[in-house]
């Protein structure tokens, strides 16, 4: 399944990931679900990787439970 297909599936469940820039210049993902926002602890060099890696990991987590 492509990253776009995974993203569409997550969005259909009301889960969106956004990237935020940390003070040290790295990026982390922010999971938004309804009124809840959770910032990830992993840091990435660019915003695209932060979002794509986090979406992929979260998708795998949901499908392994």
Foldseek 3Di string as FASTA:
>chain_A
DDLVVLQVVCVVQQWHWFWDADPVRWIAIWIDHPPDIDTDPDTHNDGVCRRSVVSVVVSVVVVVD
